[in-house]
Amino acid sequence: MTLAEGLDAGGRAPRAGTDADAVGGLVPAHVVRPADTADLGRVLAKAAGRGLAVVARGGGTALDWGSPPRRLDLLVDTTGLSWIEHIAGDLVVEVGAGTPVAELYDALAAAGQRLSADPVRTGGTVGGMVATGVSGPRRLLSGALRDLVIGMTVVRADGVVARSGGRVVKNVAGYDLAKLHTGGLGTLGVVASVAFRLHPAPPALRLVSRAPRSPEEAEEALAALRRTAVVPSAVELDRSPEGGWRLKVVLEGTPDGLAARVAETARALGGDPEAADALPGDWGLLPRRGTLALVSVPPAESVRAAARVGGLAASAGARVRVRGSLRTGTLYACLPPGTPAEAVRAVAEGVRARPGWSATLLRAEPHVHDAGVDPWGEVPGLPLMRALKDSFDPDHRLAPGRFAGGI
């Protein structure tokens, strides 16, 4: 029996993998595109019977996230799992994992609702968004992406379809199980569909921004903002590679109610802030190339951390842009393509040397992996993560080695 026999999906035989299908430099022997969840279950069951290593792909925008897989036999294309069931009256939507994120957001906007998570990539699918688990700037008001998931259908490594949660916000059975797969990079199962809780789209938005002259001035502005009664949807920092600073505060609500909040925010930020009634086109989007590090720190130390990352990069002869949510302590350090591995190592290890700070390389270029730069650092709870991997995927065939600790 050949590798491809029995892996038919949706009435179509799998095709041979090509260089365009490579993940971490590995070209899969075959690529299969299931037509529905049952189809996906049959494919994974056949793959289990043959001991095949499997990686799932949606839009392909985050295949270079995490560590490269140790091996890859079968690439599962989830774009056939594309559908939207919007239950507008309950502020809930269930959506197939292969559905383009842009398509979902357009459908919700047409109904005056939204999934309150800013996408961080263009061209991605819902499954990829959940598998990477990264939340955009407006997580401050509505919670992280994982907090918006109320149900999930996942196909296990053995092909068994498992469901947790549901389409009703109060239905929390299996809720934490769904959270395990959010950010799991496909190492615990292949996401087939997700149910999200939604919010009404606010009728008006204002973006208030200011360019402080120093980190100290930025901290003063933030302290003043915290003393106000303003409830922002996002408080973002953008530190340029040249060392320039900009604070961005997003306010949402009714047009009448926003005027006073904008004025109060402007007074708190000081200087001569700018105001706009729309977000920029690249809002929340992370660069598609280069090395991308997630830096997590106590929120009160966010500005200090951004300055520290900039100093570490400069000392290593590298450039870095730092962006992120100040009130959640979630920063993204973006190092341009070709940044030497030793410079990446210096930034990551310099951050990790501070108590309470962590740095995770969400995406690193091949030469950084080849140099042995640790993408993860110390991972609390790693023994429990290993136990979960052993339980969900005992043969370690789903994206093997892609997650922390070689999981």
Protein backbone atom coordinates (compact mmCIF):
# COMPACT_ATOMS: atom_id res chain seq x y z
CA MET A 1 0.00 0.00 0.00
CA THR A 2 1.37 3.41 -0.93
CA LEU A 3 1.41 6.36 1.44
CA ALA A 4 -1.37 8.08 -0.49
CA GLU A 5 -3.83 5.17 -0.55
CA GLY A 6 -6.82 5.65 1.72
CA LEU A 7 -6.16 9.35 2.30
CA ASP A 8 -8.79 10.52 -0.18
CA ALA A 9 -10.86 13.46 1.03
CA GLY A 10 -14.04 14.85 -0.45
CA GLY A 11 -13.78 12.32 -3.27
CA ARG A 12 -10.36 13.60 -4.27
CA ALA A 13 -7.04 11.84 -3.95
CA PRO A 14 -4.23 13.62 -2.12
CA ARG A 15 -1.68 15.41 -4.23
CA ALA A 16 2.07 15.31 -3.92
CA GLY A 17 3.63 18.01 -1.76
CA THR A 18 5.73 20.74 -3.38
CA ASP A 19 8.22 23.31 -2.16
CA ALA A 20 5.30 25.73 -1.76
CA ASP A 21 3.87 23.37 0.90
CA ALA A 22 7.05 23.26 2.99
CA VAL A 23 6.84 23.87 6.72
CA GLY A 24 10.12 24.68 8.45
CA GLY A 25 12.01 23.50 5.38
CA LEU A 26 10.22 20.13 5.31
CA VAL A 27 8.22 19.26 2.19
CA PRO A 28 5.28 16.93 2.95
CA ALA A 29 4.95 13.76 0.92
CA HIS A 30 1.27 14.51 0.35
CA VAL A 31 -1.31 17.27 0.79
CA VAL A 32 -4.99 16.53 1.40
CA ARG A 33 -7.98 18.89 1.55
CA PRO A 34 -10.89 17.53 3.62
CA ALA A 35 -14.37 18.71 2.61
CA ASP A 36 -15.93 18.65 6.10
CA THR A 37 -15.30 17.61 9.69
CA ALA A 38 -16.20 13.97 9.10
CA ASP A 39 -13.81 13.91 6.16
CA LEU A 40 -11.07 15.39 8.35
CA GLY A 41 -11.70 12.70 10.95
CA ARG A 42 -11.35 9.94 8.37
CA VAL A 43 -8.09 11.38 7.07
CA LEU A 44 -6.54 11.69 10.53
CA ALA A 45 -7.68 8.19 11.44
CA LYS A 46 -5.93 6.80 8.34
CA ALA A 47 -2.85 8.89 9.11
CA ALA A 48 -2.82 7.50 12.66
CA GLY A 49 -2.94 3.96 11.37
CA ARG A 50 0.18 4.60 9.34
CA GLY A 51 2.06 6.66 11.92
CA LEU A 52 2.16 9.74 9.70
CA ALA A 53 3.31 13.09 11.05
CA VAL A 54 0.64 15.71 10.28
CA VAL A 55 0.60 19.51 10.12
CA ALA A 56 -2.57 21.53 9.44
CA ARG A 57 -2.53 24.57 7.16
CA GLY A 58 -5.18 27.23 6.60
CA GLY A 59 -4.16 30.42 4.84
CA GLY A 60 -0.49 29.57 5.35
CA THR A 61 0.27 32.93 6.99
CA ALA A 62 1.74 31.45 10.19
CA LEU A 63 3.43 28.24 9.06
CA ASP A 64 6.75 29.74 10.16
CA TRP A 65 5.50 30.40 13.71
CA GLY A 66 6.85 28.25 16.52
CA SER A 67 9.71 25.82 16.09
CA PRO A 68 10.12 23.84 12.85
CA PRO A 69 8.42 20.42 13.04
CA ARG A 70 10.76 17.46 13.46
CA ARG A 71 9.08 15.58 10.61
CA LEU A 72 6.20 16.00 8.19
CA ASP A 73 4.47 13.35 6.10
CA LEU A 74 1.02 14.82 5.50
CA LEU A 75 -0.13 18.42 5.21
CA VAL A 76 -3.86 18.88 5.88
CA ASP A 77 -5.32 21.85 4.02
CA THR A 78 -8.30 23.09 6.06
CA THR A 79 -9.63 25.62 3.54
CA GLY A 80 -12.42 23.20 2.60
CA LEU A 81 -13.89 23.74 6.08
CA SER A 82 -15.24 27.17 5.22
CA TRP A 83 -18.70 28.21 6.47
CA ILE A 84 -20.34 30.74 8.78
CA GLU A 85 -23.43 30.25 10.95
CA HIS A 86 -24.22 33.59 12.56
CA ILE A 87 -26.81 33.55 15.35
CA ALA A 88 -27.16 37.31 15.52
CA GLY A 89 -29.90 37.36 18.17
CA ASP A 90 -27.64 35.53 20.63
CA LEU A 91 -24.46 37.45 19.68
CA VAL A 92 -22.82 34.17 18.72
CA VAL A 93 -21.20 32.85 15.57
CA GLU A 94 -19.94 29.37 14.71
CA VAL A 95 -17.45 29.24 11.88
CA GLY A 96 -15.44 26.61 10.02
CA ALA A 97 -11.71 26.62 10.65
CA GLY A 98 -10.89 27.20 6.98
CA THR A 99 -12.99 30.35 6.73
CA PRO A 100 -10.94 33.45 5.84
CA VAL A 101 -10.83 35.85 8.78
CA ALA A 102 -11.64 38.78 6.48
CA GLU A 103 -14.77 37.00 5.24
CA LEU A 104 -15.97 36.40 8.80
CA TYR A 105 -15.39 40.02 9.83
CA ASP A 106 -17.22 41.34 6.76
CA ALA A 107 -20.23 39.12 7.48
CA LEU A 108 -20.41 40.26 11.09
CA ALA A 109 -19.99 43.93 10.18
CA ALA A 110 -22.93 43.69 7.78
CA ALA A 111 -25.08 42.69 10.78
CA GLY A 112 -23.73 45.46 13.01
CA GLN A 113 -21.69 43.06 15.15
CA ARG A 114 -18.05 42.12 15.53
CA LEU A 115 -15.60 39.63 16.96
CA SER A 116 -13.70 41.95 19.30
CA ALA A 117 -10.24 40.70 18.38
CA ASP A 118 -8.07 42.69 16.02
CA PRO A 119 -6.43 40.38 13.44
CA VAL A 120 -2.63 40.42 13.57
CA ARG A 121 -2.14 38.99 10.06
CA THR A 122 -3.83 39.42 6.69
CA GLY A 123 -4.89 36.45 4.59
CA GLY A 124 -5.31 34.07 7.50
CA THR A 125 -8.11 31.67 8.40
CA VAL A 126 -10.08 31.30 11.61
CA GLY A 127 -8.30 28.04 12.43
CA GLY A 128 -4.91 29.69 12.06
CA MET A 129 -6.01 32.65 14.16
CA VAL A 130 -7.04 30.29 16.96
CA ALA A 131 -4.03 27.98 16.61
CA THR A 132 -1.60 30.88 17.03
CA GLY A 133 -3.80 32.46 19.70
CA VAL A 134 -2.38 35.99 19.44
CA SER A 135 -4.73 38.82 20.39
CA GLY A 136 -4.72 42.28 18.84
CA PRO A 137 -4.72 45.71 20.51
CA ARG A 138 -8.37 45.85 21.57
CA ARG A 139 -8.00 42.88 23.91
CA LEU A 140 -7.88 45.49 26.68
CA LEU A 141 -11.65 45.99 26.74
CA SER A 142 -13.06 42.66 25.56
CA GLY A 143 -10.42 40.17 26.65
CA ALA A 144 -7.95 38.04 24.77
CA LEU A 145 -8.96 35.87 21.82
CA ARG A 146 -9.18 32.78 24.05
CA ASP A 147 -11.72 34.61 26.23
CA LEU A 148 -14.02 35.03 23.21
CA VAL A 149 -14.09 31.30 22.39
CA ILE A 150 -17.21 29.62 23.79
CA GLY A 151 -17.04 26.35 21.88
CA MET A 152 -14.81 24.35 19.59
CA THR A 153 -14.83 21.20 17.47
CA VAL A 154 -11.44 19.52 17.22
CA VAL A 155 -10.34 16.33 15.52
CA ARG A 156 -7.92 14.36 17.66
CA ALA A 157 -4.77 12.69 16.42
CA ASP A 158 -6.64 9.37 16.19
CA GLY A 159 -9.40 10.88 14.03
CA VAL A 160 -12.03 11.10 16.79
CA VAL A 161 -14.14 14.27 16.63
CA ALA A 162 -14.30 16.04 20.01
CA ARG A 163 -16.56 18.96 20.91
CA SER A 164 -16.38 21.30 23.88
CA GLY A 165 -18.51 24.27 24.91
CA GLY A 166 -21.30 25.23 22.54
CA ARG A 167 -23.17 28.02 20.83
CA VAL A 168 -24.60 29.50 24.01
CA VAL A 169 -22.50 31.84 26.13
CA LYS A 170 -23.75 30.24 29.37
CA ASN A 171 -22.78 26.77 28.16
CA VAL A 172 -19.33 26.36 29.64
CA ALA A 173 -19.00 22.57 29.61
CA GLY A 174 -15.56 21.77 28.20
CA TYR A 175 -14.73 25.46 27.99
CA ASP A 176 -11.16 25.03 29.24
CA LEU A 177 -10.61 22.23 26.73
CA ALA A 178 -11.26 24.71 23.93
CA LYS A 179 -8.82 27.11 25.55
CA LEU A 180 -6.08 24.46 25.46
CA HIS A 181 -6.21 24.43 21.67
CA THR A 182 -6.11 28.24 21.42
CA GLY A 183 -2.44 29.00 20.92
CA GLY A 184 -1.51 25.31 20.71
CA LEU A 185 -0.09 25.59 17.16
CA GLY A 186 -1.99 22.47 16.14
CA THR A 187 0.03 20.18 18.44
CA LEU A 188 -2.98 18.84 20.38
CA GLY A 189 -5.52 18.45 17.59
CA VAL A 190 -6.76 19.95 14.33
CA VAL A 191 -9.38 22.65 14.86
CA ALA A 192 -12.45 22.04 12.68
CA SER A 193 -14.77 24.84 13.84
CA VAL A 194 -15.01 27.51 16.53
CA ALA A 195 -17.92 29.28 18.25
CA PHE A 196 -17.28 32.84 19.40
CA ARG A 197 -19.22 35.30 21.51
CA LEU A 198 -19.70 38.62 19.75
CA HIS A 199 -20.29 42.27 20.63
CA PRO A 200 -22.37 44.96 18.95
CA ALA A 201 -20.22 47.15 16.73
CA PRO A 202 -19.85 50.57 18.41
CA PRO A 203 -21.37 53.42 16.39
CA ALA A 204 -18.32 55.65 16.72
CA LEU A 205 -14.58 55.44 17.30
CA ARG A 206 -11.82 57.93 18.00
CA LEU A 207 -8.08 57.35 17.97
CA VAL A 208 -6.13 59.81 20.12
CA SER A 209 -2.35 59.71 19.75
CA ARG A 210 0.69 61.61 20.88
CA ALA A 211 4.45 61.36 20.36
CA PRO A 212 6.15 61.74 23.78
CA ARG A 213 9.78 62.85 23.71
CA SER A 214 11.08 60.20 26.12
CA PRO A 215 10.08 57.05 28.00
CA GLU A 216 9.69 59.14 31.14
CA GLU A 217 7.25 61.44 29.39
CA ALA A 218 5.34 58.43 28.10
CA GLU A 219 5.04 57.02 31.62
CA GLU A 220 3.79 60.36 32.94
CA ALA A 221 1.09 60.46 30.26
CA LEU A 222 0.01 56.92 31.05
CA ALA A 223 -0.16 57.63 34.77
CA ALA A 224 -2.36 60.65 34.04
CA LEU A 225 -4.60 58.53 31.81
CA ARG A 226 -5.02 55.93 34.56
CA ARG A 227 -6.28 58.64 36.90
CA THR A 228 -9.15 59.50 34.57
CA ALA A 229 -12.54 57.81 34.31
CA VAL A 230 -11.94 57.07 30.64
CA VAL A 231 -12.38 53.40 29.66
CA PRO A 232 -10.33 52.89 26.47
CA SER A 233 -10.57 49.92 24.13
CA ALA A 234 -6.82 49.99 23.55
CA VAL A 235 -3.75 51.77 24.88
CA GLU A 236 -0.91 51.08 22.49
CA LEU A 237 2.75 51.95 22.32
CA ASP A 238 4.81 52.13 19.14
CA ARG A 239 8.58 52.59 19.50
CA SER A 240 10.30 53.03 16.15
CA PRO A 241 13.70 51.51 15.30
CA GLU A 242 15.11 55.04 15.51
CA GLY A 243 13.88 55.42 19.10
CA GLY A 244 10.80 57.57 18.48
CA TRP A 245 7.75 57.00 20.70
CA ARG A 246 4.03 57.19 20.04
CA LEU A 247 1.09 56.47 22.32
CA LYS A 248 -2.26 55.49 20.79
CA VAL A 249 -5.53 55.40 22.72
CA VAL A 250 -8.71 53.98 21.14
CA LEU A 251 -12.09 55.13 22.44
CA GLU A 252 -15.40 53.61 21.31
CA GLY A 253 -19.04 54.42 22.00
CA THR A 254 -21.74 56.82 20.86
CA PRO A 255 -20.81 60.02 19.01
CA ASP A 256 -22.27 62.21 21.76
CA GLY A 257 -20.55 60.33 24.54
CA LEU A 258 -17.15 60.29 22.87
CA ALA A 259 -16.59 64.06 22.81
CA ALA A 260 -15.99 64.42 26.55
CA ARG A 261 -13.89 61.24 26.71
CA VAL A 262 -11.68 62.39 23.85
CA ALA A 263 -11.12 65.75 25.56
CA GLU A 264 -10.24 64.07 28.86
CA THR A 265 -7.87 61.67 27.13
CA ALA A 266 -6.16 64.53 25.29
CA ARG A 267 -5.62 66.40 28.56
CA ALA A 268 -4.14 63.31 30.17
CA LEU A 269 -1.74 62.63 27.30
CA GLY A 270 -0.62 66.25 27.32
CA GLY A 271 1.33 67.96 24.60
CA ASP A 272 -0.55 68.39 21.34
CA PRO A 273 -2.27 65.05 20.66
CA GLU A 274 -3.82 64.13 17.33
CA ALA A 275 -7.29 62.66 16.88
CA ALA A 276 -8.77 60.57 14.07
CA ASP A 277 -12.15 58.94 13.56
CA ALA A 278 -10.82 55.70 12.05
CA LEU A 279 -8.03 53.22 12.68
CA PRO A 280 -5.09 53.10 10.25
CA GLY A 281 -5.11 50.35 7.64
CA ASP A 282 -2.26 48.47 9.33
CA TRP A 283 -3.87 48.57 12.78
CA GLY A 284 -2.74 45.61 14.87
CA LEU A 285 -0.94 43.90 11.98
CA LEU A 286 2.43 42.35 12.73
CA PRO A 287 5.19 42.20 10.08
CA ARG A 288 5.16 39.11 7.90
CA ARG A 289 8.95 38.80 7.66
CA GLY A 290 11.89 38.82 10.03
CA THR A 291 11.95 37.66 13.65
CA LEU A 292 8.98 38.40 15.88
CA ALA A 293 9.24 38.14 19.66
CA LEU A 294 6.42 38.32 22.18
CA VAL A 295 7.65 40.14 25.28
CA SER A 296 5.44 39.76 28.36
CA VAL A 297 6.03 41.94 31.40
CA PRO A 298 4.05 43.35 34.34
CA PRO A 299 1.86 46.11 32.84
CA ALA A 300 3.43 48.80 35.01
CA GLU A 301 6.82 47.99 33.45
CA SER A 302 5.69 48.08 29.79
CA VAL A 303 7.36 51.36 28.83
CA ARG A 304 10.54 50.38 30.64
CA ALA A 305 10.53 47.05 28.83
CA ALA A 306 10.13 48.69 25.42
CA ALA A 307 13.09 50.92 26.16
CA ARG A 308 15.08 47.93 27.39
CA VAL A 309 14.41 45.94 24.20
CA GLY A 310 15.51 48.92 22.12
CA GLY A 311 18.72 49.22 24.13
CA LEU A 312 19.50 45.52 23.88
CA ALA A 313 19.05 45.56 20.12
CA ALA A 314 21.20 48.68 19.71
CA SER A 315 23.98 47.14 21.81
CA ALA A 316 23.90 44.10 19.52
CA GLY A 317 24.05 46.28 16.40
CA ALA A 318 20.47 45.53 15.40
CA ARG A 319 17.30 47.50 14.77
CA VAL A 320 13.99 46.72 16.42
CA ARG A 321 10.46 48.09 16.41
CA VAL A 322 8.46 47.55 19.58
CA ARG A 323 4.67 47.67 19.60
CA GLY A 324 2.03 46.46 21.97
CA SER A 325 -0.58 46.88 24.64
CA LEU A 326 0.76 48.83 27.61
CA ARG A 327 -2.04 47.98 30.03
CA THR A 328 -1.69 44.24 29.48
CA GLY A 329 2.12 44.13 29.37
CA THR A 330 2.04 42.49 25.95
CA LEU A 331 4.72 43.81 23.57
CA TYR A 332 5.95 42.64 20.17
CA ALA A 333 9.59 43.12 19.23
CA CYS A 334 9.96 43.08 15.46
CA LEU A 335 13.51 42.54 14.16
CA PRO A 336 13.96 42.98 10.39
CA PRO A 337 14.86 40.14 8.00
CA GLY A 338 18.50 39.15 8.15
CA THR A 339 19.05 40.22 11.75
CA PRO A 340 22.02 38.10 12.96
CA ALA A 341 21.14 35.20 15.20
CA GLU A 342 23.44 36.45 17.95
CA ALA A 343 21.59 39.78 18.02
CA VAL A 344 18.27 37.94 18.37
CA ARG A 345 19.79 35.83 21.15
CA ALA A 346 21.05 38.95 22.96
CA VAL A 347 17.60 40.56 22.90
CA ALA A 348 15.77 37.40 24.01
CA GLU A 349 18.20 36.53 26.79
CA GLY A 350 18.43 40.14 27.95
CA VAL A 351 14.68 40.27 28.41
CA ARG A 352 14.54 36.90 30.13
CA ALA A 353 17.23 37.99 32.59
CA ARG A 354 14.76 40.37 34.26
CA PRO A 355 12.54 38.76 36.95
CA GLY A 356 8.94 38.55 35.80
CA TRP A 357 9.79 39.21 32.14
CA SER A 358 9.60 36.66 29.34
CA ALA A 359 10.42 36.58 25.63
CA THR A 360 9.01 34.06 23.16
CA LEU A 361 10.09 33.95 19.54
CA LEU A 362 6.74 33.58 17.81
CA ARG A 363 8.53 33.49 14.47
CA ALA A 364 12.24 33.21 13.78
CA GLU A 365 14.12 32.99 10.51
CA PRO A 366 15.82 29.68 9.61
CA HIS A 367 19.30 30.96 10.42
CA VAL A 368 18.13 31.85 13.93
CA HIS A 369 16.80 28.33 14.50
CA ASP A 370 19.96 26.85 12.95
CA ALA A 371 22.09 28.82 15.43
CA GLY A 372 20.27 27.17 18.31
CA VAL A 373 18.63 30.29 19.70
CA ASP A 374 16.07 29.16 22.28
CA PRO A 375 12.64 30.33 21.05
CA TRP A 376 10.87 29.75 24.37
CA GLY A 377 13.03 30.40 27.40
CA GLU A 378 11.79 29.05 30.72
CA VAL A 379 8.23 27.76 30.33
CA PRO A 380 6.22 27.48 33.55
CA GLY A 381 4.10 24.35 33.66
CA LEU A 382 6.09 22.51 30.99
CA PRO A 383 5.69 19.09 32.69
CA LEU A 384 1.90 19.56 32.60
CA MET A 385 2.10 20.56 28.92
CA ARG A 386 4.06 17.39 28.17
CA ALA A 387 1.45 15.33 29.99
CA LEU A 388 -1.31 16.93 27.92
CA LYS A 389 0.59 16.18 24.71
CA ASP A 390 1.03 12.56 25.77
CA SER A 391 -2.70 12.33 26.46
CA PHE A 392 -4.00 14.07 23.33
CA ASP A 393 -1.33 12.81 20.92
CA PRO A 394 0.51 9.85 22.51
CA ASP A 395 2.54 9.12 19.38
CA HIS A 396 3.55 12.78 18.99
CA ARG A 397 2.48 12.96 15.35
CA LEU A 398 0.67 16.33 15.27
CA ALA A 399 3.13 19.09 14.38
CA PRO A 400 5.84 17.28 16.37
CA GLY A 401 8.38 19.61 17.94
CA ARG A 402 6.59 22.81 16.98
CA PHE A 403 5.65 23.90 20.52
CA ALA A 404 7.64 24.62 23.69
CA GLY A 405 9.91 21.90 25.01
CA GLY A 406 9.83 20.05 21.68
CA ILE A 407 6.15 19.19 22.15
